[in-house]
């Protein structure tokens, strides 16, 4: 009996070693890695189902009246540091259809790099999504690239091109840039239709290359669905608000003056954020139970380093219910809570995120900082190093290791 068991154990171990060896073959790993990771995420969702992120224990509801007004902001900073007025309203064409760039389907979790690749190709860039993801998200299991990273890539790797992002976009903003010949990237939410635990809200990038006022639609280059997809104005408005109405414009460096004029006074980031904050406040006054509006309010307050009020706004958003994927894409609550000394709330929120999105390096980073402030140096170092395993190019994690004296 023992002999049979020994042979069985030996056979199982040998089979496991063979399978592990086969898995290391690049072509096999490329095909299986994402399927295994996706299956693990689905399994975690089945074991601990839930549609929303947890509400921090330290959360306290804040009425909108507790947000004190911002001081008056003087418009002084444009792309070239000179004052820029809002563009004079001029009639826009009722329809615009810019040339569609050569389309490529996104790799797994790669809508950011793939969409940016489409935008760059519009201007003659000859790379692909993997040239971008190799720098911004080398691990295919990393499910997010944020707008700052995409702008960084353009500014440092695309030579003759520049990029700017702003929040508080409107349909009119998008149409104004499109009418001037500049495609626009937006980040918006949508609903994944599925019977499993992976169903529900998620974020996605789109590149808009045209619009039609008669049909009330945009023409979108969708790295997942295909080229020249039709997206209604209503769908854009609804999905866009979850991301503070953020948008990215890419343009040749010599066109900076023309692009600045299109941004108007909002080219000044302080002015842009003030307007976004006021918009979020207005949305909350119209619907106090709009979780996305509360989150946007927190994010815009965070820009002004008003951490206490931002934390209160994030508390409200989480109390009202944010989709479980939300902190995969946006990290403001970590920063606000950390600066308010709410370190356990940072850890709890990061762990809720990492349970379903296990390769979120930003959550690892902020959990590490919170652990460090609570005296858990070894736990902090473990988190910072784990973040660098996911993304070896993540400078914030390298800085954190250097700060605590554990740099490579």
Protein backbone atom coordinates (compact mmCIF):
# COMPACT_ATOMS: atom_id res chain seq x y z
CA UNK A 1 0.00 0.00 0.00
CA UNK A 2 2.78 2.38 0.95
CA UNK A 3 4.59 1.47 -2.25
CA UNK A 4 1.55 2.38 -4.34
CA UNK A 5 1.16 5.68 -2.54
CA UNK A 6 4.84 6.47 -3.01
CA UNK A 7 4.62 5.75 -6.72
CA UNK A 8 1.47 7.87 -6.97
CA UNK A 9 3.14 10.78 -5.16
CA UNK A 10 6.22 10.44 -7.36
CA UNK A 11 4.09 10.40 -10.51
CA UNK A 12 2.10 13.44 -9.39
CA UNK A 13 5.27 15.37 -8.58
CA UNK A 14 6.82 14.42 -11.92
CA UNK A 15 3.69 15.47 -13.80
CA UNK A 16 3.66 18.78 -11.95
CA UNK A 17 7.30 19.40 -12.87
CA UNK A 18 6.62 18.57 -16.52
CA UNK A 19 3.59 20.88 -16.61
CA UNK A 20 5.61 23.64 -14.94
CA UNK A 21 8.36 23.19 -17.50
CA UNK A 22 5.89 23.29 -20.39
CA UNK A 23 4.30 26.42 -18.90
CA UNK A 24 7.67 28.19 -19.06
CA UNK A 25 7.74 27.84 -22.86
CA UNK A 26 7.05 31.44 -23.98
CA UNK A 27 4.33 30.59 -26.51
CA UNK A 28 2.53 28.35 -24.01
CA UNK A 29 2.84 30.85 -21.18
CA UNK A 30 1.53 33.64 -23.41
CA UNK A 31 -1.61 31.66 -24.18
CA UNK A 32 -2.24 30.27 -20.70
CA UNK A 33 -1.14 33.06 -18.35
CA UNK A 34 -4.11 35.35 -18.85
CA UNK A 35 -6.58 32.46 -18.78
CA UNK A 36 -5.22 31.22 -15.45
CA UNK A 37 -5.20 34.71 -13.97
CA UNK A 38 -8.73 35.40 -15.18
CA UNK A 39 -9.91 32.06 -13.78
CA UNK A 40 -8.31 32.87 -10.42
CA UNK A 41 -10.08 36.23 -10.34
CA UNK A 42 -13.42 34.62 -11.16
CA UNK A 43 -12.85 32.03 -8.42
CA UNK A 44 -12.11 34.76 -5.88
CA UNK A 45 -15.30 36.49 -6.96
CA UNK A 46 -17.31 33.31 -6.43
CA UNK A 47 -15.79 32.74 -2.99
CA UNK A 48 -16.33 36.31 -1.81
CA UNK A 49 -18.97 37.92 -4.02
CA UNK A 50 -19.70 41.61 -3.83
CA UNK A 51 -20.51 44.38 -6.26
CA UNK A 52 -19.07 47.31 -4.30
CA UNK A 53 -15.99 48.32 -2.35
CA UNK A 54 -16.22 48.33 1.46
CA UNK A 55 -16.92 51.51 3.39
CA UNK A 56 -13.96 52.46 5.63
CA UNK A 57 -14.56 52.11 9.36
CA UNK A 58 -13.48 55.71 9.86
CA UNK A 59 -15.98 57.04 7.33
CA UNK A 60 -18.22 59.92 8.35
CA UNK A 61 -20.92 61.39 6.13
CA UNK A 62 -20.16 64.95 5.01
CA UNK A 63 -22.81 67.38 3.84
CA UNK A 64 -21.97 69.39 0.74
CA UNK A 65 -22.14 72.58 2.79
CA UNK A 66 -18.99 71.56 4.67
CA UNK A 67 -16.86 72.11 1.54
CA UNK A 68 -15.52 75.63 1.89
CA UNK A 69 -15.19 77.74 -1.28
CA UNK A 70 -11.89 78.03 -3.10
CA UNK A 71 -10.15 81.39 -3.28
CA UNK A 72 -10.40 83.26 -6.56
CA UNK A 73 -7.93 81.89 -9.11
CA UNK A 74 -6.21 84.22 -11.53
CA UNK A 75 -5.82 82.81 -15.03
CA UNK A 76 -2.08 83.07 -15.61
CA UNK A 77 -0.78 79.73 -16.83
CA UNK A 78 -1.16 78.29 -20.29
CA UNK A 79 1.02 75.81 -22.13
CA UNK A 80 3.42 78.72 -22.65
CA UNK A 81 2.62 80.36 -19.23
CA UNK A 82 0.63 83.22 -20.81
CA UNK A 83 -3.05 83.96 -20.04
CA UNK A 84 -5.48 82.13 -22.30
CA UNK A 85 -9.13 83.16 -22.60
CA UNK A 86 -11.90 80.71 -23.35
CA UNK A 87 -12.33 80.23 -27.09
CA UNK A 88 -14.89 82.52 -28.68
CA UNK A 89 -17.96 80.40 -29.43
CA UNK A 90 -18.04 79.66 -33.13
CA UNK A 91 -20.39 77.33 -34.96
CA UNK A 92 -18.94 73.84 -35.27
CA UNK A 93 -19.69 71.63 -38.26
CA UNK A 94 -22.62 69.31 -37.69
CA UNK A 95 -20.43 66.30 -38.47
CA UNK A 96 -16.71 65.48 -38.52
CA UNK A 97 -15.05 62.24 -39.57
CA UNK A 98 -11.26 62.20 -39.25
CA UNK A 99 -9.24 59.45 -40.98
CA UNK A 100 -9.27 56.24 -38.96
CA UNK A 101 -5.81 55.01 -37.90
CA UNK A 102 -4.74 51.47 -38.62
CA UNK A 103 -6.62 49.39 -36.04
CA UNK A 104 -5.21 46.67 -33.80
CA UNK A 105 -7.09 44.59 -31.26
CA UNK A 106 -5.96 45.04 -27.71
CA UNK A 107 -4.08 42.33 -25.90
CA UNK A 108 -5.43 41.16 -22.55
CA UNK A 109 -5.84 44.08 -20.09
CA UNK A 110 -4.24 46.38 -22.66
CA UNK A 111 -6.89 48.89 -23.69
CA UNK A 112 -4.79 51.85 -22.50
CA UNK A 113 -1.66 51.07 -24.54
CA UNK A 114 -3.73 49.88 -27.51
CA UNK A 115 -5.85 53.04 -27.56
CA UNK A 116 -2.79 55.24 -27.19
CA UNK A 117 -1.17 53.35 -30.05
CA UNK A 118 -4.19 54.13 -32.25
CA UNK A 119 -3.96 57.82 -31.35
CA UNK A 120 -0.24 57.96 -32.11
CA UNK A 121 -0.72 56.17 -35.42
CA UNK A 122 -3.07 58.95 -36.48
CA UNK A 123 0.04 61.17 -36.55
CA UNK A 124 2.25 58.67 -38.35
CA UNK A 125 3.79 56.81 -35.42
CA UNK A 126 4.86 53.33 -36.50
CA UNK A 127 4.84 51.43 -33.21
CA UNK A 128 2.21 49.20 -31.63
CA UNK A 129 0.58 48.62 -28.26
CA UNK A 130 3.43 46.44 -27.03
CA UNK A 131 5.98 49.22 -27.47
CA UNK A 132 3.85 51.12 -24.96
CA UNK A 133 2.93 48.31 -22.58
CA UNK A 134 6.55 47.13 -22.34
CA UNK A 135 7.27 50.40 -20.55
CA UNK A 136 4.01 51.20 -18.78
CA UNK A 137 2.76 47.71 -17.79
CA UNK A 138 5.26 44.93 -18.51
CA UNK A 139 3.07 42.38 -16.68
CA UNK A 140 -0.01 41.41 -18.69
CA UNK A 141 -1.86 40.83 -15.43
CA UNK A 142 -1.59 44.53 -14.59
CA UNK A 143 -5.07 45.75 -15.43
CA UNK A 144 -4.57 49.49 -15.58
CA UNK A 145 -2.59 52.26 -17.21
CA UNK A 146 -3.60 55.72 -16.04
CA UNK A 147 -3.76 58.93 -18.03
CA UNK A 148 -0.60 60.37 -16.46
CA UNK A 149 1.38 57.35 -17.64
CA UNK A 150 0.01 57.65 -21.16
CA UNK A 151 0.92 61.34 -21.33
CA UNK A 152 4.38 60.48 -19.99
CA UNK A 153 4.91 57.97 -22.79
CA UNK A 154 4.01 60.49 -25.48
CA UNK A 155 6.22 63.20 -24.03
CA UNK A 156 9.26 60.95 -23.59
CA UNK A 157 8.98 58.35 -26.35
CA UNK A 158 7.04 59.84 -29.25
CA UNK A 159 9.54 62.46 -30.38
CA UNK A 160 7.71 65.14 -32.30
CA UNK A 161 4.40 64.77 -30.46
CA UNK A 162 3.04 66.28 -27.27
CA UNK A 163 0.12 65.32 -25.05
CA UNK A 164 -2.03 67.10 -22.50
CA UNK A 165 -4.84 65.80 -20.34
CA UNK A 166 -7.55 67.70 -18.55
CA UNK A 167 -10.68 66.89 -16.58
CA UNK A 168 -14.12 68.52 -16.78
CA UNK A 169 -14.56 67.68 -20.45
CA UNK A 170 -17.88 68.18 -22.21
CA UNK A 171 -19.37 66.94 -25.45
CA UNK A 172 -18.68 70.40 -26.83
CA UNK A 173 -15.02 70.08 -25.79
CA UNK A 174 -14.65 66.83 -27.68
CA UNK A 175 -16.33 68.20 -30.77
CA UNK A 176 -14.19 71.35 -30.71
CA UNK A 177 -10.96 69.34 -30.81
CA UNK A 178 -12.29 66.94 -33.42
CA UNK A 179 -13.42 69.80 -35.64
CA UNK A 180 -9.88 71.22 -35.42
CA UNK A 181 -8.42 67.89 -36.56
CA UNK A 182 -7.32 66.36 -33.24
CA UNK A 183 -8.66 62.95 -32.14
CA UNK A 184 -9.38 62.67 -28.42
CA UNK A 185 -8.91 59.83 -25.92
CA UNK A 186 -11.48 59.50 -23.14
CA UNK A 187 -11.74 57.09 -20.24
CA UNK A 188 -15.25 55.99 -19.41
CA UNK A 189 -17.17 53.31 -17.58
CA UNK A 190 -19.29 50.58 -19.11
CA UNK A 191 -21.07 47.43 -17.97
CA UNK A 192 -19.67 43.95 -18.60
CA UNK A 193 -22.57 41.67 -19.40
CA UNK A 194 -21.86 38.30 -17.81
CA UNK A 195 -23.49 35.68 -15.63
CA UNK A 196 -20.36 35.26 -13.51
CA UNK A 197 -18.71 37.34 -10.77
CA UNK A 198 -16.70 39.30 -13.35
CA UNK A 199 -19.90 41.05 -14.46
CA UNK A 200 -20.60 44.68 -13.71
CA UNK A 201 -18.93 48.04 -14.06
CA UNK A 202 -15.45 48.46 -15.58
CA UNK A 203 -13.36 51.21 -17.15
CA UNK A 204 -12.30 51.46 -20.79
CA UNK A 205 -10.45 53.88 -23.07
CA UNK A 206 -11.84 55.03 -26.42
CA UNK A 207 -10.32 57.16 -29.17
CA UNK A 208 -12.87 59.50 -30.75
CA UNK A 209 -12.22 60.42 -34.37
CA UNK A 210 -15.54 61.95 -35.36
CA UNK A 211 -19.09 62.91 -34.44
CA UNK A 212 -22.49 63.48 -36.00
CA UNK A 213 -24.91 65.92 -34.39
CA UNK A 214 -27.84 64.71 -36.46
CA UNK A 215 -27.47 61.17 -35.11
CA UNK A 216 -26.04 62.41 -31.77
CA UNK A 217 -23.15 59.96 -31.89
CA UNK A 218 -19.37 59.87 -31.77
CA UNK A 219 -17.21 57.69 -34.00
CA UNK A 220 -14.87 55.71 -31.76
CA UNK A 221 -11.85 53.55 -32.36
CA UNK A 222 -12.45 50.82 -29.79
CA UNK A 223 -9.45 48.57 -29.17
CA UNK A 224 -11.75 45.79 -27.95
CA UNK A 225 -14.77 45.95 -30.25
CA UNK A 226 -13.29 47.29 -33.47
CA UNK A 227 -12.76 50.39 -35.63
CA UNK A 228 -15.35 53.09 -36.31
CA UNK A 229 -17.74 52.06 -33.54
CA UNK A 230 -20.78 54.26 -32.97
CA UNK A 231 -21.21 55.61 -29.42
CA UNK A 232 -24.16 57.80 -28.51
CA UNK A 233 -23.74 61.16 -26.81
CA UNK A 234 -25.88 59.82 -23.97
CA UNK A 235 -23.62 56.81 -23.43
CA UNK A 236 -20.53 59.02 -23.39
CA UNK A 237 -22.04 61.40 -20.84
CA UNK A 238 -23.16 58.55 -18.60
CA UNK A 239 -19.92 56.57 -18.66
CA UNK A 240 -17.54 59.52 -18.65
CA UNK A 241 -18.67 60.98 -15.32
CA UNK A 242 -17.08 58.11 -13.39
CA UNK A 243 -13.68 59.42 -14.49
CA UNK A 244 -14.14 63.12 -13.76
CA UNK A 245 -14.70 63.71 -17.50
CA UNK A 246 -11.00 63.22 -18.24
CA UNK A 247 -9.63 63.42 -21.78
CA UNK A 248 -6.25 63.36 -23.54
CA UNK A 249 -5.28 65.36 -26.60
CA UNK A 250 -2.18 64.46 -28.64
CA UNK A 251 -0.73 66.96 -31.08
CA UNK A 252 2.46 67.90 -32.95
CA UNK A 253 4.70 70.07 -30.79
CA UNK A 254 4.57 72.93 -33.29
CA UNK A 255 0.77 73.08 -32.87
CA UNK A 256 0.95 73.94 -29.15
CA UNK A 257 -0.42 77.47 -29.61
CA UNK A 258 -3.42 76.25 -31.59
CA UNK A 259 -4.16 73.54 -29.03
CA UNK A 260 -3.84 76.02 -26.17
CA UNK A 261 -6.47 78.20 -27.81
CA UNK A 262 -8.79 75.19 -28.04
CA UNK A 263 -8.36 74.46 -24.33
CA UNK A 264 -9.16 78.07 -23.50
CA UNK A 265 -8.85 79.18 -19.89
CA UNK A 266 -8.98 75.51 -18.88
CA UNK A 267 -5.43 75.08 -20.16
CA UNK A 268 -4.49 76.47 -16.74
CA UNK A 269 -4.76 73.36 -14.58
CA UNK A 270 -5.85 75.32 -11.50
CA UNK A 271 -8.74 76.82 -13.44
CA UNK A 272 -9.57 73.44 -14.95
CA UNK A 273 -9.73 71.79 -11.54
CA UNK A 274 -11.74 74.60 -10.03
CA UNK A 275 -14.34 74.20 -12.75
CA UNK A 276 -14.34 70.44 -12.28
CA UNK A 277 -14.85 70.88 -8.55
CA UNK A 278 -17.75 73.26 -9.09
CA UNK A 279 -19.27 70.83 -11.57
CA UNK A 280 -19.04 67.99 -9.06
CA UNK A 281 -20.66 70.17 -6.40
CA UNK A 282 -23.48 71.03 -8.78
CA UNK A 283 -24.02 67.36 -9.60
CA UNK A 284 -24.20 66.52 -5.89
CA UNK A 285 -26.70 69.30 -5.27
CA UNK A 286 -28.85 67.79 -8.02
CA UNK A 287 -28.41 64.23 -6.76
CA UNK A 288 -26.83 63.81 -3.30
CA UNK A 289 -26.68 60.03 -3.82
CA UNK A 290 -24.45 60.20 -6.91
CA UNK A 291 -21.38 58.23 -5.78
CA UNK A 292 -19.37 59.19 -8.85
CA UNK A 293 -19.99 62.90 -8.25
CA UNK A 294 -18.79 62.57 -4.66
CA UNK A 295 -15.68 60.73 -5.86
CA UNK A 296 -14.98 63.45 -8.44
CA UNK A 297 -15.39 66.07 -5.73
CA UNK A 298 -12.80 64.24 -3.63
CA UNK A 299 -10.39 63.97 -6.56
CA UNK A 300 -10.65 67.66 -7.39
CA UNK A 301 -10.20 68.65 -3.73
CA UNK A 302 -7.17 66.36 -3.64
CA UNK A 303 -5.61 68.40 -6.44
CA UNK A 304 -5.67 71.41 -4.08
CA UNK A 305 -4.22 69.26 -1.25
CA UNK A 306 -7.38 69.68 0.82
CA UNK A 307 -7.00 66.19 2.21
CA UNK A 308 -9.57 66.36 4.99
CA UNK A 309 -12.42 67.48 2.75
CA UNK A 310 -11.30 65.07 0.02
CA UNK A 311 -11.37 62.19 2.52
CA UNK A 312 -14.91 63.16 3.53
CA UNK A 313 -16.02 63.21 -0.10
CA UNK A 314 -14.44 59.80 -0.70
CA UNK A 315 -16.16 58.48 2.43
CA UNK A 316 -19.50 59.52 0.98
CA UNK A 317 -18.72 57.93 -2.38
CA UNK A 318 -17.77 54.63 -0.75
CA UNK A 319 -20.77 54.73 1.58
CA UNK A 320 -23.08 55.19 -1.40
CA UNK A 321 -21.41 52.29 -3.20
CA UNK A 322 -18.54 52.27 -5.70
CA UNK A 323 -18.02 49.34 -8.08
CA UNK A 324 -15.44 46.86 -6.85
CA UNK A 325 -13.12 47.61 -9.78
CA UNK A 326 -13.05 51.35 -9.06
CA UNK A 327 -9.76 51.54 -7.13
CA UNK A 328 -8.15 49.51 -9.88
CA UNK A 329 -8.23 52.74 -11.89
CA UNK A 330 -8.29 55.65 -9.41
CA UNK A 331 -6.29 55.99 -6.21
CA UNK A 332 -7.34 59.26 -4.62
CA UNK A 333 -8.78 57.71 -1.43
CA UNK A 334 -5.40 56.19 -0.57
CA UNK A 335 -3.72 59.60 -0.76
CA UNK A 336 -6.43 61.46 1.15
CA UNK A 337 -6.72 58.86 3.92
CA UNK A 338 -2.94 58.57 4.24
CA UNK A 339 -2.55 62.32 4.66
CA UNK A 340 -5.27 62.27 7.32
CA UNK A 341 -3.50 59.56 9.28
CA UNK A 342 -6.17 56.97 8.47
CA UNK A 343 -3.62 54.28 7.76
CA UNK A 344 -5.81 51.28 8.58
CA UNK A 345 -8.45 52.58 6.16
CA UNK A 346 -5.75 52.70 3.46
CA UNK A 347 -4.81 49.10 4.22
CA UNK A 348 -8.40 47.87 4.28
CA UNK A 349 -9.27 49.51 0.97
CA UNK A 350 -6.05 48.30 -0.67
CA UNK A 351 -6.66 44.74 0.49
CA UNK A 352 -10.21 44.81 -0.84
CA UNK A 353 -8.82 45.95 -4.18
CA UNK A 354 -5.97 43.44 -4.26
CA UNK A 355 -8.25 40.53 -3.43
CA UNK A 356 -9.99 40.87 -6.79
CA UNK A 357 -7.20 42.69 -8.69
CA UNK A 358 -4.06 41.05 -7.38
CA UNK A 359 -1.60 42.90 -9.63
CA UNK A 360 -2.55 46.48 -8.79
CA UNK A 361 0.83 48.00 -8.02
CA UNK A 362 -0.65 51.31 -6.86
CA UNK A 363 -2.63 49.53 -4.15
CA UNK A 364 0.51 47.66 -3.11
CA UNK A 365 2.40 50.94 -2.90
CA UNK A 366 -0.13 52.69 -0.67
CA UNK A 367 -0.66 49.67 1.55
CA UNK A 368 3.11 49.66 1.96
CA UNK A 369 3.20 53.33 2.95
CA UNK A 370 0.38 52.77 5.46
CA UNK A 371 2.17 49.77 6.94
CA UNK A 372 5.34 51.82 7.21
CA UNK A 373 3.55 54.57 9.15
CA UNK A 374 2.05 51.94 11.46
CA UNK A 375 5.53 50.62 12.23
CA UNK A 376 5.45 47.53 10.01
CA UNK A 377 8.70 48.13 8.12
CA UNK A 378 9.03 44.58 6.81
CA UNK A 379 5.44 44.55 5.57
CA UNK A 380 6.05 47.87 3.83
CA UNK A 381 9.21 46.61 2.12
CA UNK A 382 7.35 43.48 1.02
CA UNK A 383 4.63 45.62 -0.59
CA UNK A 384 7.07 47.99 -2.31
CA UNK A 385 9.02 45.05 -3.74
CA UNK A 386 5.82 43.32 -4.83
CA UNK A 387 4.82 46.48 -6.71
CA UNK A 388 8.16 46.42 -8.53
CA UNK A 389 7.67 42.77 -9.45
CA UNK A 390 4.45 43.75 -11.22
CA UNK A 391 6.02 46.82 -12.80
CA UNK A 392 9.83 47.12 -12.60
CA UNK A 393 9.50 50.62 -14.11
CA UNK A 394 7.31 51.90 -11.26
CA UNK A 395 9.41 54.79 -9.98
CA UNK A 396 7.15 55.53 -7.00
CA UNK A 397 7.80 52.06 -5.60
CA UNK A 398 11.54 52.39 -6.16
CA UNK A 399 11.48 55.75 -4.38
CA UNK A 400 9.60 54.15 -1.48
CA UNK A 401 12.23 51.43 -1.12
CA UNK A 402 15.00 54.01 -1.20
CA UNK A 403 13.16 56.11 1.39
CA UNK A 404 12.94 53.26 3.90
CA UNK A 405 16.54 52.25 3.26
CA UNK A 406 15.84 49.08 1.31
CA UNK A 407 16.65 50.25 -2.21
CA UNK A 408 18.04 47.84 -4.73
